[in-house]
Amino acid sequence: MDQKLNELLESYRDDFVKTLQEWVRVPSVKGEPAEGAPFGTGVGKMMDLAAETGRKMGFDVRTFDGYALDMTLGGADEKIAVLGHLDVVPVGDGWTWPPFGAEIENGRMYGRGTNDDKGPSLAALYAMKAIKEAGIPLKRSIRLILGGDEECDWECMTYYAAYAEMPEMGFSPDASFPLINTEKGMLHFEIRFPAAENGLRVLEMATGERPNVIAGESRALLEGGEDLAEKVRAYAADTGLPYAAEVTEAGVWVTATGISGHSAYPEGKRSAIGMMLKLMKALGAKGGIAVLADAVGLESDGKSLGCACEDRVSGRLTNNMGILRLRDGEWFGTLDFRCPVEADQEKLIREAKAHLPGIQVTVTTQKPPHHVPAESELVTALLAAYEEESGLKGEAMSTGGGTYAKVLKQGVAFGAVFPGEEELAHLANEYESIDSLMLAMKIYANALVRLAQA
């Protein structure tokens, strides 16, 4: 890397940390639309703060009615895109650190968004600042695009593309290093069915806030007394799974404790909703609950839904029930599928519906897979930058996660979690190492210079 560029990046450390703390302290979880804030006031406040940060760095910032913003370095028509997001998933349970405190201990900053995706996005912005201040000539412009609805419906990118020209090539700093050039397809289903009139009676249950989060805890109020509580405890002993039962005047409150995580990475996780389904069926639940216990349960590969499949390029299908709620005698839930590149999505839809008799199944999201050849200019340039700055071997990988890379004709996910680091996106006590973010900043600067000078 150019020595002046490297020195500039090193000099930004304290300012970068202070700015990231300001960003993380904004609870930018999607909420009810407000004037000028289509994704809620939290995301709107974060949009304003990011725009202010860019302007202080001397960039011309364009805002798009609270949906997205961009800032560009250089005047060339051809642009390299960096796509990040400013929204974060809900906090969830199990935090030791204040989720929006941005507290630092042992070189780590803790808080929702430190990793997904405020920290990496800000690192990319500082990389652009260094390139600008170093006066490095560019043949292509560099454009940072920041959206506000990545964790839900991507309305931000749809709106942005309607009012601005989307670059063709670039990366999203929203996954892992070395580089992800293959993303699985995505299917989201909504499911609805009436509460059964016989069998176990469920009085209350509302678990989950996002389809793409594996629930770490599920609580349900069941009709019954001490006899039912003893059955729950016996089931826990038989299965070795952590359930608890508390007898109250209203009934028996049952808690299932799972292991939370991102739906795209179910390995080592355990769905609390799946646990609750299996328990309720064992206690005599009928109808849709029994169907879901058999067809979904604790599986993450879609086997009992007739949807298990895999390919050499992207691996196996994963599925997750992220939401299950009972309201006014009707159950509502969601299923999240991450589909291999070669999978027939229409067949998967037919199979899922066929294996859920008595349940209304509606497809709410259908996204195709995404793949950029490993020998492309984009992939080779990014991996060269990664190897030069990190000293580690670079390789192209696949993921079940979905990033903004999909909105580009040639887009990949590039960082910022390094090999061997914990992947805590969507989990409690999310954090990012400040040293790792500074190294990512150098990698992004190197990569952007390579692409923009080509």
Protein backbone atom coordinates (compact mmCIF):
# COMPACT_ATOMS: atom_id res chain seq x y z
CA MET A 1 0.00 0.00 0.00
CA ASP A 2 1.06 3.58 -0.63
CA GLN A 3 2.95 4.82 2.46
CA LYS A 4 1.05 8.11 2.69
CA LEU A 5 -2.25 6.26 2.47
CA ASN A 6 -1.18 3.88 5.21
CA GLU A 7 -0.09 6.71 7.50
CA LEU A 8 -3.40 8.49 7.02
CA LEU A 9 -5.34 5.35 7.90
CA GLU A 10 -3.27 4.84 11.05
CA SER A 11 -3.91 8.45 12.10
CA TYR A 12 -7.69 7.98 11.95
CA ARG A 13 -7.91 5.39 14.73
CA ASP A 14 -9.10 7.59 17.60
CA ASP A 15 -11.51 9.55 15.42
CA PHE A 16 -12.86 6.34 13.90
CA VAL A 17 -13.51 4.81 17.33
CA LYS A 18 -15.28 7.96 18.57
CA THR A 19 -17.44 8.16 15.44
CA LEU A 20 -18.35 4.46 15.58
CA GLN A 21 -19.42 4.87 19.18
CA GLU A 22 -21.74 7.70 18.11
CA TRP A 23 -23.19 5.49 15.37
CA VAL A 24 -23.68 2.42 17.58
CA ARG A 25 -25.42 4.48 20.26
CA VAL A 26 -28.27 5.16 17.84
CA PRO A 27 -30.83 2.31 18.20
CA SER A 28 -31.61 2.04 14.49
CA VAL A 29 -34.06 -0.86 14.66
CA LYS A 30 -36.83 -0.66 12.07
CA GLY A 31 -39.98 0.91 13.50
CA GLU A 32 -43.23 2.55 12.49
CA PRO A 33 -42.92 4.97 9.56
CA ALA A 34 -42.71 8.67 10.39
CA GLU A 35 -42.39 11.82 8.31
CA GLY A 36 -39.05 11.65 6.49
CA ALA A 37 -38.29 8.33 8.19
CA PRO A 38 -39.96 5.45 6.33
CA PHE A 39 -38.27 2.86 8.56
CA GLY A 40 -38.94 4.64 11.84
CA THR A 41 -37.33 7.43 13.81
CA GLY A 42 -34.35 5.31 14.96
CA VAL A 43 -33.25 4.52 11.42
CA GLY A 44 -34.06 8.10 10.41
CA LYS A 45 -31.79 9.49 13.13
CA MET A 46 -29.03 7.15 12.00
CA MET A 47 -29.43 8.28 8.39
CA ASP A 48 -29.04 11.90 9.48
CA LEU A 49 -25.96 11.09 11.55
CA ALA A 50 -24.27 9.18 8.72
CA ALA A 51 -24.99 12.05 6.32
CA GLU A 52 -23.47 14.50 8.79
CA THR A 53 -20.37 12.28 9.14
CA GLY A 54 -19.88 12.22 5.37
CA ARG A 55 -20.28 15.97 5.02
CA LYS A 56 -17.72 16.61 7.76
CA MET A 57 -15.28 14.50 5.73
CA GLY A 58 -15.86 16.73 2.73
CA PHE A 59 -18.06 14.42 0.68
CA ASP A 60 -21.09 15.57 -1.27
CA VAL A 61 -23.86 13.55 0.37
CA ARG A 62 -27.14 12.78 -1.38
CA THR A 63 -30.12 11.60 0.64
CA PHE A 64 -33.13 9.73 -0.68
CA ASP A 65 -36.13 10.55 1.51
CA GLY A 66 -34.88 8.53 4.47
CA TYR A 67 -34.57 5.32 2.45
CA ALA A 68 -30.86 5.56 1.63
CA LEU A 69 -27.97 7.95 1.10
CA ASP A 70 -24.79 7.98 -0.92
CA MET A 71 -21.46 9.80 -1.10
CA THR A 72 -19.03 9.69 -4.01
CA LEU A 73 -15.30 10.13 -4.45
CA GLY A 74 -14.21 11.15 -7.96
CA GLY A 75 -15.99 12.43 -11.03
CA ALA A 76 -15.72 9.52 -13.45
CA ASP A 77 -18.93 8.11 -14.88
CA GLU A 78 -17.95 4.50 -14.13
CA LYS A 79 -18.25 3.80 -10.43
CA ILE A 80 -17.16 1.19 -7.91
CA ALA A 81 -19.87 0.66 -5.30
CA VAL A 82 -19.57 -0.07 -1.61
CA LEU A 83 -22.96 -0.99 -0.15
CA GLY A 84 -23.55 -1.02 3.60
CA HIS A 85 -26.55 -0.69 5.88
CA LEU A 86 -27.41 1.40 8.91
CA ASP A 87 -30.34 -0.57 10.33
CA VAL A 88 -29.82 -3.28 12.94
CA VAL A 89 -31.83 -6.26 14.16
CA PRO A 90 -33.74 -6.06 17.46
CA VAL A 91 -31.67 -6.49 20.61
CA GLY A 92 -33.03 -9.86 21.75
CA ASP A 93 -32.17 -11.59 25.01
CA GLY A 94 -28.99 -12.50 26.85
CA TRP A 95 -26.95 -9.30 26.75
CA THR A 96 -24.24 -8.63 29.32
CA TRP A 97 -23.21 -5.34 27.76
CA PRO A 98 -25.58 -2.42 27.05
CA PRO A 99 -26.70 -3.22 23.48
CA PHE A 100 -26.39 0.42 22.39
CA GLY A 101 -23.65 1.43 24.82
CA ALA A 102 -20.66 1.04 22.47
CA GLU A 103 -18.54 0.21 25.52
CA ILE A 104 -14.93 -0.86 24.94
CA GLU A 105 -13.09 -3.57 26.84
CA ASN A 106 -9.95 -5.46 25.85
CA GLY A 107 -9.88 -3.78 22.47
CA ARG A 108 -13.44 -4.77 21.62
CA MET A 109 -16.40 -2.48 21.12
CA TYR A 110 -19.68 -4.05 22.23
CA GLY A 111 -23.05 -3.12 20.80
CA ARG A 112 -25.64 -3.87 18.16
CA GLY A 113 -24.20 -2.85 14.78
CA THR A 114 -20.51 -2.93 15.68
CA ASN A 115 -20.20 -5.90 13.34
CA ASP A 116 -23.46 -5.83 11.36
CA ASP A 117 -23.00 -3.42 9.68
CA LYS A 118 -22.08 0.00 11.09
CA GLY A 119 -18.47 -0.85 11.94
CA PRO A 120 -17.52 -2.22 8.50
CA SER A 121 -19.49 0.49 6.66
CA LEU A 122 -17.74 3.21 8.61
CA ALA A 123 -14.37 1.54 7.96
CA ALA A 124 -15.11 1.75 4.23
CA LEU A 125 -16.00 5.43 4.58
CA TYR A 126 -12.70 6.17 6.33
CA ALA A 127 -10.89 4.26 3.56
CA MET A 128 -12.50 6.63 1.06
CA LYS A 129 -11.50 9.62 3.21
CA ALA A 130 -7.87 8.47 3.17
CA ILE A 131 -7.85 7.98 -0.61
CA LYS A 132 -9.28 11.49 -1.01
CA GLU A 133 -6.80 13.12 1.38
CA ALA A 134 -3.87 11.24 -0.14
CA GLY A 135 -4.76 12.72 -3.50
CA ILE A 136 -4.62 9.38 -5.30
CA PRO A 137 -5.77 9.76 -8.93
CA LEU A 138 -8.73 7.57 -9.91
CA LYS A 139 -9.98 6.37 -13.28
CA ARG A 140 -13.25 5.16 -11.72
CA SER A 141 -15.28 6.91 -9.04
CA ILE A 142 -16.02 5.27 -5.69
CA ARG A 143 -19.55 5.48 -4.32
CA LEU A 144 -20.61 4.45 -0.81
CA ILE A 145 -24.33 3.64 -0.64
CA LEU A 146 -25.95 3.18 2.78
CA GLY A 147 -29.44 1.71 3.14
CA GLY A 148 -31.88 1.56 6.02
CA ASP A 149 -33.87 -1.64 5.49
CA GLU A 150 -31.35 -4.42 4.87
CA GLU A 151 -32.48 -6.53 7.81
CA CYS A 152 -36.08 -6.67 6.56
CA ASP A 153 -37.37 -6.07 3.05
CA TRP A 154 -34.65 -4.13 1.20
CA GLU A 155 -37.13 -1.40 0.32
CA CYS A 156 -34.21 1.00 0.66
CA MET A 157 -32.40 -0.48 -2.35
CA THR A 158 -35.57 -0.63 -4.43
CA TYR A 159 -36.18 3.06 -3.75
CA TYR A 160 -32.55 4.01 -4.35
CA ALA A 161 -32.43 2.20 -7.69
CA ALA A 162 -35.58 4.04 -8.78
CA TYR A 163 -33.99 7.45 -8.24
CA ALA A 164 -30.26 6.88 -8.79
CA GLU A 165 -28.12 4.88 -11.16
CA MET A 166 -26.85 1.74 -9.45
CA PRO A 167 -23.18 0.96 -10.22
CA GLU A 168 -22.53 -2.40 -11.83
CA MET A 169 -19.53 -3.56 -9.79
CA GLY A 170 -18.57 -3.42 -6.13
CA PHE A 171 -18.79 -5.08 -2.74
CA SER A 172 -20.73 -5.13 0.50
CA PRO A 173 -18.69 -5.10 3.75
CA ASP A 174 -21.37 -7.16 5.48
CA ALA A 175 -20.12 -10.72 5.88
CA SER A 176 -16.72 -12.39 6.21
CA PHE A 177 -13.22 -12.29 4.82
CA PRO A 178 -11.61 -13.48 2.61
CA LEU A 179 -14.51 -12.98 0.16
CA ILE A 180 -17.96 -14.37 -0.64
CA ASN A 181 -18.73 -14.61 -4.34
CA THR A 182 -21.72 -16.96 -4.06
CA GLU A 183 -24.92 -16.25 -2.12
CA LYS A 184 -27.76 -18.71 -1.86
CA GLY A 185 -31.26 -17.89 -3.01
CA MET A 186 -33.85 -16.91 -0.44
CA LEU A 187 -37.46 -17.87 0.22
CA HIS A 188 -39.61 -16.45 3.01
CA PHE A 189 -43.00 -17.93 3.81
CA GLU A 190 -45.79 -16.71 6.06
CA ILE A 191 -47.89 -19.45 7.63
CA ARG A 192 -51.33 -19.18 9.24
CA PHE A 193 -53.66 -21.74 10.78
CA PRO A 194 -56.43 -21.82 13.39
CA ALA A 195 -55.82 -22.92 16.94
CA ALA A 196 -56.92 -26.53 17.45
CA GLU A 197 -60.15 -27.02 19.35
CA ASN A 198 -59.00 -30.21 21.04
CA GLY A 199 -55.79 -31.45 22.60
CA LEU A 200 -53.39 -29.19 24.49
CA ARG A 201 -54.73 -25.66 24.90
CA VAL A 202 -52.21 -22.87 24.36
CA LEU A 203 -53.32 -19.61 25.97
CA GLU A 204 -50.47 -17.29 24.99
CA MET A 205 -47.35 -17.44 22.86
CA ALA A 206 -45.39 -14.82 20.95
CA THR A 207 -41.83 -15.70 19.97
CA GLY A 208 -39.52 -14.04 17.48
CA GLU A 209 -39.27 -10.70 15.70
CA ARG A 210 -37.42 -11.52 12.45
CA PRO A 211 -37.61 -14.51 10.06
CA ASN A 212 -33.81 -14.57 9.78
CA VAL A 213 -33.07 -14.94 13.50
CA ILE A 214 -32.96 -18.31 15.26
CA ALA A 215 -34.95 -17.74 18.45
CA GLY A 216 -32.93 -18.16 21.63
CA GLU A 217 -35.94 -18.33 23.95
CA SER A 218 -39.61 -19.18 23.59
CA ARG A 219 -42.30 -18.84 26.27
CA ALA A 220 -45.85 -20.12 26.18
CA LEU A 221 -48.73 -20.11 28.64
CA LEU A 222 -50.46 -23.49 28.64
CA GLU A 223 -53.73 -24.45 30.26
CA GLY A 224 -53.08 -26.78 33.19
CA GLY A 225 -51.56 -27.12 36.62
CA GLU A 226 -48.89 -29.06 38.47
CA ASP A 227 -49.60 -32.28 36.56
CA LEU A 228 -48.77 -30.52 33.27
CA ALA A 229 -45.67 -28.90 34.77
CA GLU A 230 -44.42 -32.33 35.83
CA LYS A 231 -44.90 -33.60 32.27
CA VAL A 232 -42.79 -30.71 31.00
CA ARG A 233 -40.02 -31.51 33.47
CA ALA A 234 -40.17 -35.20 32.55
CA TYR A 235 -39.90 -34.31 28.84
CA ALA A 236 -36.89 -32.12 29.60
CA ALA A 237 -35.24 -34.99 31.45
CA ASP A 238 -35.98 -37.46 28.65
CA THR A 239 -34.68 -35.22 25.86
CA GLY A 240 -31.86 -33.51 27.72
CA LEU A 241 -33.13 -30.16 26.45
CA PRO A 242 -33.52 -27.09 28.70
CA TYR A 243 -37.19 -26.52 29.47
CA ALA A 244 -38.67 -24.87 32.56
CA ALA A 245 -42.25 -24.85 33.87
CA GLU A 246 -43.83 -22.47 36.37
CA VAL A 247 -47.36 -22.98 37.69
CA THR A 248 -49.34 -19.74 38.04
CA GLU A 249 -52.98 -18.79 38.55
CA ALA A 250 -53.28 -18.21 34.80
CA GLY A 251 -51.81 -21.60 33.87
CA VAL A 252 -48.34 -23.07 33.31
CA TRP A 253 -45.67 -20.83 31.85
CA VAL A 254 -43.23 -22.95 29.89
CA THR A 255 -39.83 -21.69 28.74
CA ALA A 256 -37.69 -23.34 26.09
CA THR A 257 -34.09 -22.12 25.94
CA GLY A 258 -32.36 -22.46 22.58
CA ILE A 259 -29.14 -21.10 21.11
CA SER A 260 -29.73 -17.96 19.06
CA GLY A 261 -28.06 -17.08 15.78
CA HIS A 262 -28.49 -16.06 12.17
CA SER A 263 -30.78 -18.33 10.17
CA ALA A 264 -28.17 -18.72 7.43
CA TYR A 265 -25.72 -20.32 9.85
CA PRO A 266 -27.64 -22.88 11.94
CA GLU A 267 -24.62 -25.03 12.80
CA GLY A 268 -24.20 -25.16 16.58
CA LYS A 269 -27.50 -23.30 17.16
CA ARG A 270 -30.84 -24.57 18.48
CA SER A 271 -34.26 -23.10 17.71
CA ALA A 272 -36.32 -22.37 20.82
CA ILE A 273 -39.42 -22.34 18.60
CA GLY A 274 -38.58 -25.82 17.35
CA MET A 275 -38.13 -26.95 20.94
CA MET A 276 -41.51 -25.54 21.88
CA LEU A 277 -43.23 -27.20 18.93
CA LYS A 278 -41.83 -30.62 19.85
CA LEU A 279 -42.81 -30.16 23.48
CA MET A 280 -46.35 -29.03 22.72
CA LYS A 281 -46.93 -32.00 20.43
CA ALA A 282 -45.64 -34.34 23.15
CA LEU A 283 -48.12 -32.74 25.55
CA GLY A 284 -51.01 -33.44 23.18
CA ALA A 285 -51.19 -30.46 20.80
CA LYS A 286 -53.17 -31.13 17.63
CA GLY A 287 -53.69 -29.43 14.27
CA GLY A 288 -51.08 -27.11 12.82
CA ILE A 289 -48.81 -27.25 15.86
CA ALA A 290 -48.47 -31.02 15.50
CA VAL A 291 -47.86 -30.66 11.76
CA LEU A 292 -45.10 -28.09 12.34
CA ALA A 293 -43.53 -30.20 15.09
CA ASP A 294 -43.13 -33.04 12.58
CA ALA A 295 -42.33 -31.03 9.43
CA VAL A 296 -40.02 -28.42 10.97
CA GLY A 297 -39.27 -29.15 14.61
CA LEU A 298 -35.57 -28.85 15.35
CA GLU A 299 -34.44 -29.50 11.79
CA SER A 300 -32.46 -26.90 9.86
CA ASP A 301 -32.07 -28.79 6.57
CA GLY A 302 -35.68 -28.95 5.36
CA LYS A 303 -35.69 -32.75 5.26
CA SER A 304 -39.15 -33.32 6.74
CA LEU A 305 -40.51 -30.53 4.54
CA GLY A 306 -39.35 -32.49 1.49
CA CYS A 307 -36.90 -29.71 0.67
CA ALA A 308 -33.46 -31.03 1.64
CA CYS A 309 -30.95 -30.42 -1.16
CA GLU A 310 -27.40 -29.25 -1.75
CA ASP A 311 -24.89 -28.53 -4.50
CA ARG A 312 -21.14 -28.29 -4.88
CA VAL A 313 -21.09 -24.52 -5.38
CA SER A 314 -23.09 -23.35 -2.37
CA GLY A 315 -23.73 -26.29 -0.01
CA ARG A 316 -27.01 -27.38 1.59
CA LEU A 317 -30.37 -25.73 2.04
CA THR A 318 -31.10 -24.29 5.47
CA ASN A 319 -34.47 -23.44 7.00
CA ASN A 320 -35.60 -21.61 10.11
CA MET A 321 -38.88 -20.74 11.78
CA GLY A 322 -38.11 -17.27 13.10
CA ILE A 323 -41.56 -16.20 14.32
CA LEU A 324 -44.49 -18.07 15.88
CA ARG A 325 -47.34 -16.19 17.55
CA LEU A 326 -50.89 -16.90 18.72
CA ARG A 327 -53.43 -14.10 18.49
CA ASP A 328 -57.24 -14.18 18.61
CA GLY A 329 -57.42 -17.90 17.98
CA GLU A 330 -55.06 -17.89 14.98
CA TRP A 331 -51.43 -18.88 14.70
CA PHE A 332 -48.98 -16.87 12.60
CA GLY A 333 -45.42 -17.84 11.73
CA THR A 334 -42.56 -17.46 9.27
CA LEU A 335 -40.18 -19.83 7.54
CA ASP A 336 -36.82 -18.72 6.12
CA PHE A 337 -35.15 -20.85 3.42
CA ARG A 338 -31.61 -20.28 2.12
CA CYS A 339 -31.54 -22.20 -1.17
CA PRO A 340 -28.53 -23.65 -3.02
CA VAL A 341 -27.61 -22.03 -6.33
CA GLU A 342 -28.80 -25.00 -8.35
CA ALA A 343 -32.04 -25.56 -6.40
CA ASP A 344 -35.40 -25.33 -8.15
CA GLN A 345 -37.19 -22.76 -6.00
CA GLU A 346 -40.60 -23.44 -7.52
CA LYS A 347 -40.26 -27.10 -6.59
CA LEU A 348 -39.24 -26.14 -3.05
CA ILE A 349 -42.36 -24.00 -2.75
CA ARG A 350 -44.58 -26.88 -3.90
CA GLU A 351 -42.94 -29.35 -1.53
CA ALA A 352 -43.15 -27.02 1.49
CA LYS A 353 -46.86 -26.45 0.90
CA ALA A 354 -47.52 -30.17 0.37
CA HIS A 355 -45.81 -31.06 3.65
CA LEU A 356 -47.82 -28.52 5.67
CA PRO A 357 -51.43 -29.81 5.33
CA GLY A 358 -54.07 -27.62 6.94
CA ILE A 359 -51.71 -24.64 7.02
CA GLN A 360 -52.02 -21.59 4.77
CA VAL A 361 -48.60 -20.96 3.23
CA THR A 362 -47.82 -17.69 1.41
CA VAL A 363 -44.53 -16.82 -0.28
CA THR A 364 -43.56 -13.28 0.80
CA THR A 365 -39.97 -13.12 -0.45
CA GLN A 366 -38.30 -14.91 -3.33
CA LYS A 367 -34.75 -13.94 -4.27
CA PRO A 368 -32.57 -15.78 -6.78
CA PRO A 369 -29.04 -16.92 -5.94
CA HIS A 370 -26.07 -14.75 -6.85
CA HIS A 371 -22.67 -15.78 -8.19
CA VAL A 372 -19.63 -13.88 -9.50
CA PRO A 373 -16.88 -15.99 -11.14
CA ALA A 374 -13.74 -16.40 -9.05
CA GLU A 375 -11.58 -15.37 -12.01
CA SER A 376 -13.34 -12.00 -12.46
CA GLU A 377 -11.53 -8.67 -12.16
CA LEU A 378 -13.51 -7.85 -9.02
CA VAL A 379 -12.70 -11.05 -7.13
CA THR A 380 -9.02 -11.14 -8.08
CA ALA A 381 -8.46 -7.48 -7.11
CA LEU A 382 -10.19 -7.82 -3.75
CA LEU A 383 -8.38 -11.02 -2.83
CA ALA A 384 -5.04 -9.47 -3.80
CA ALA A 385 -5.73 -6.54 -1.45
CA TYR A 386 -6.80 -8.92 1.32
CA GLU A 387 -3.64 -11.02 1.00
CA GLU A 388 -1.34 -7.99 0.86
CA GLU A 389 -2.74 -6.30 3.96
CA SER A 390 -3.59 -9.32 6.11
CA GLY A 391 -0.83 -11.73 5.15
CA LEU A 392 -3.49 -14.45 4.95
CA LYS A 393 -4.44 -16.67 2.04
CA GLY A 394 -7.45 -15.43 0.09
CA GLU A 395 -10.18 -17.60 -1.39
CA ALA A 396 -13.71 -17.17 -2.71
CA MET A 397 -16.47 -18.74 -0.59
CA SER A 398 -20.23 -19.23 -0.56
CA THR A 399 -22.80 -18.23 2.08
CA GLY A 400 -26.43 -18.63 3.02
CA GLY A 401 -26.48 -15.02 4.13
CA GLY A 402 -27.97 -12.38 1.90
CA THR A 403 -26.15 -9.08 1.36
CA TYR A 404 -26.58 -6.02 -0.81
CA ALA A 405 -24.05 -7.60 -3.19
CA LYS A 406 -27.09 -9.14 -4.88
CA VAL A 407 -28.28 -5.76 -6.19
CA LEU A 408 -25.11 -5.38 -8.29
CA LYS A 409 -24.47 -7.20 -11.55
CA GLN A 410 -20.99 -7.95 -10.23
CA GLY A 411 -21.19 -7.76 -6.46
CA VAL A 412 -19.52 -9.75 -3.68
CA ALA A 413 -19.48 -9.68 0.11
CA PHE A 414 -16.08 -8.63 1.43
CA GLY A 415 -15.41 -8.70 5.19
CA ALA A 416 -15.35 -7.70 7.86
CA VAL A 417 -15.13 -10.83 10.06
CA PHE A 418 -11.72 -12.47 9.75
CA PRO A 419 -11.10 -16.24 9.77
CA GLY A 420 -11.13 -17.55 13.32
CA GLU A 421 -13.12 -14.63 14.73
CA GLU A 422 -16.53 -15.07 16.34
CA GLU A 423 -19.48 -14.37 14.06
CA LEU A 424 -21.91 -12.49 16.31
CA ALA A 425 -24.26 -10.86 13.84
CA HIS A 426 -27.80 -10.98 15.29
CA LEU A 427 -26.51 -12.45 18.57
CA ALA A 428 -26.32 -11.10 22.11
CA ASN A 429 -23.12 -9.25 23.04
CA GLU A 430 -22.31 -8.45 19.42
CA TYR A 431 -18.86 -6.87 19.26
CA GLU A 432 -16.06 -6.08 16.88
CA SER A 433 -12.34 -5.84 17.54
CA ILE A 434 -11.06 -2.33 16.90
CA ASP A 435 -7.78 -3.77 15.56
CA SER A 436 -9.77 -5.92 13.12
CA LEU A 437 -11.79 -2.93 11.92
CA MET A 438 -8.60 -0.94 11.38
CA LEU A 439 -7.15 -3.81 9.36
CA ALA A 440 -10.40 -4.02 7.38
CA MET A 441 -10.10 -0.29 6.70
CA LYS A 442 -6.65 -0.85 5.18
CA ILE A 443 -7.90 -3.76 3.10
CA TYR A 444 -10.80 -1.66 1.80
CA ALA A 445 -8.52 1.25 0.93
CA ASN A 446 -6.11 -1.07 -0.91
CA ALA A 447 -8.96 -2.79 -2.75
CA LEU A 448 -10.68 0.44 -3.77
CA VAL A 449 -7.44 1.89 -5.14
CA ARG A 450 -6.85 -1.28 -7.17
CA LEU A 451 -10.36 -1.19 -8.65
CA ALA A 452 -10.60 2.56 -9.17
CA GLN A 453 -7.19 2.86 -10.84
CA ALA A 454 -7.80 -0.06 -13.21
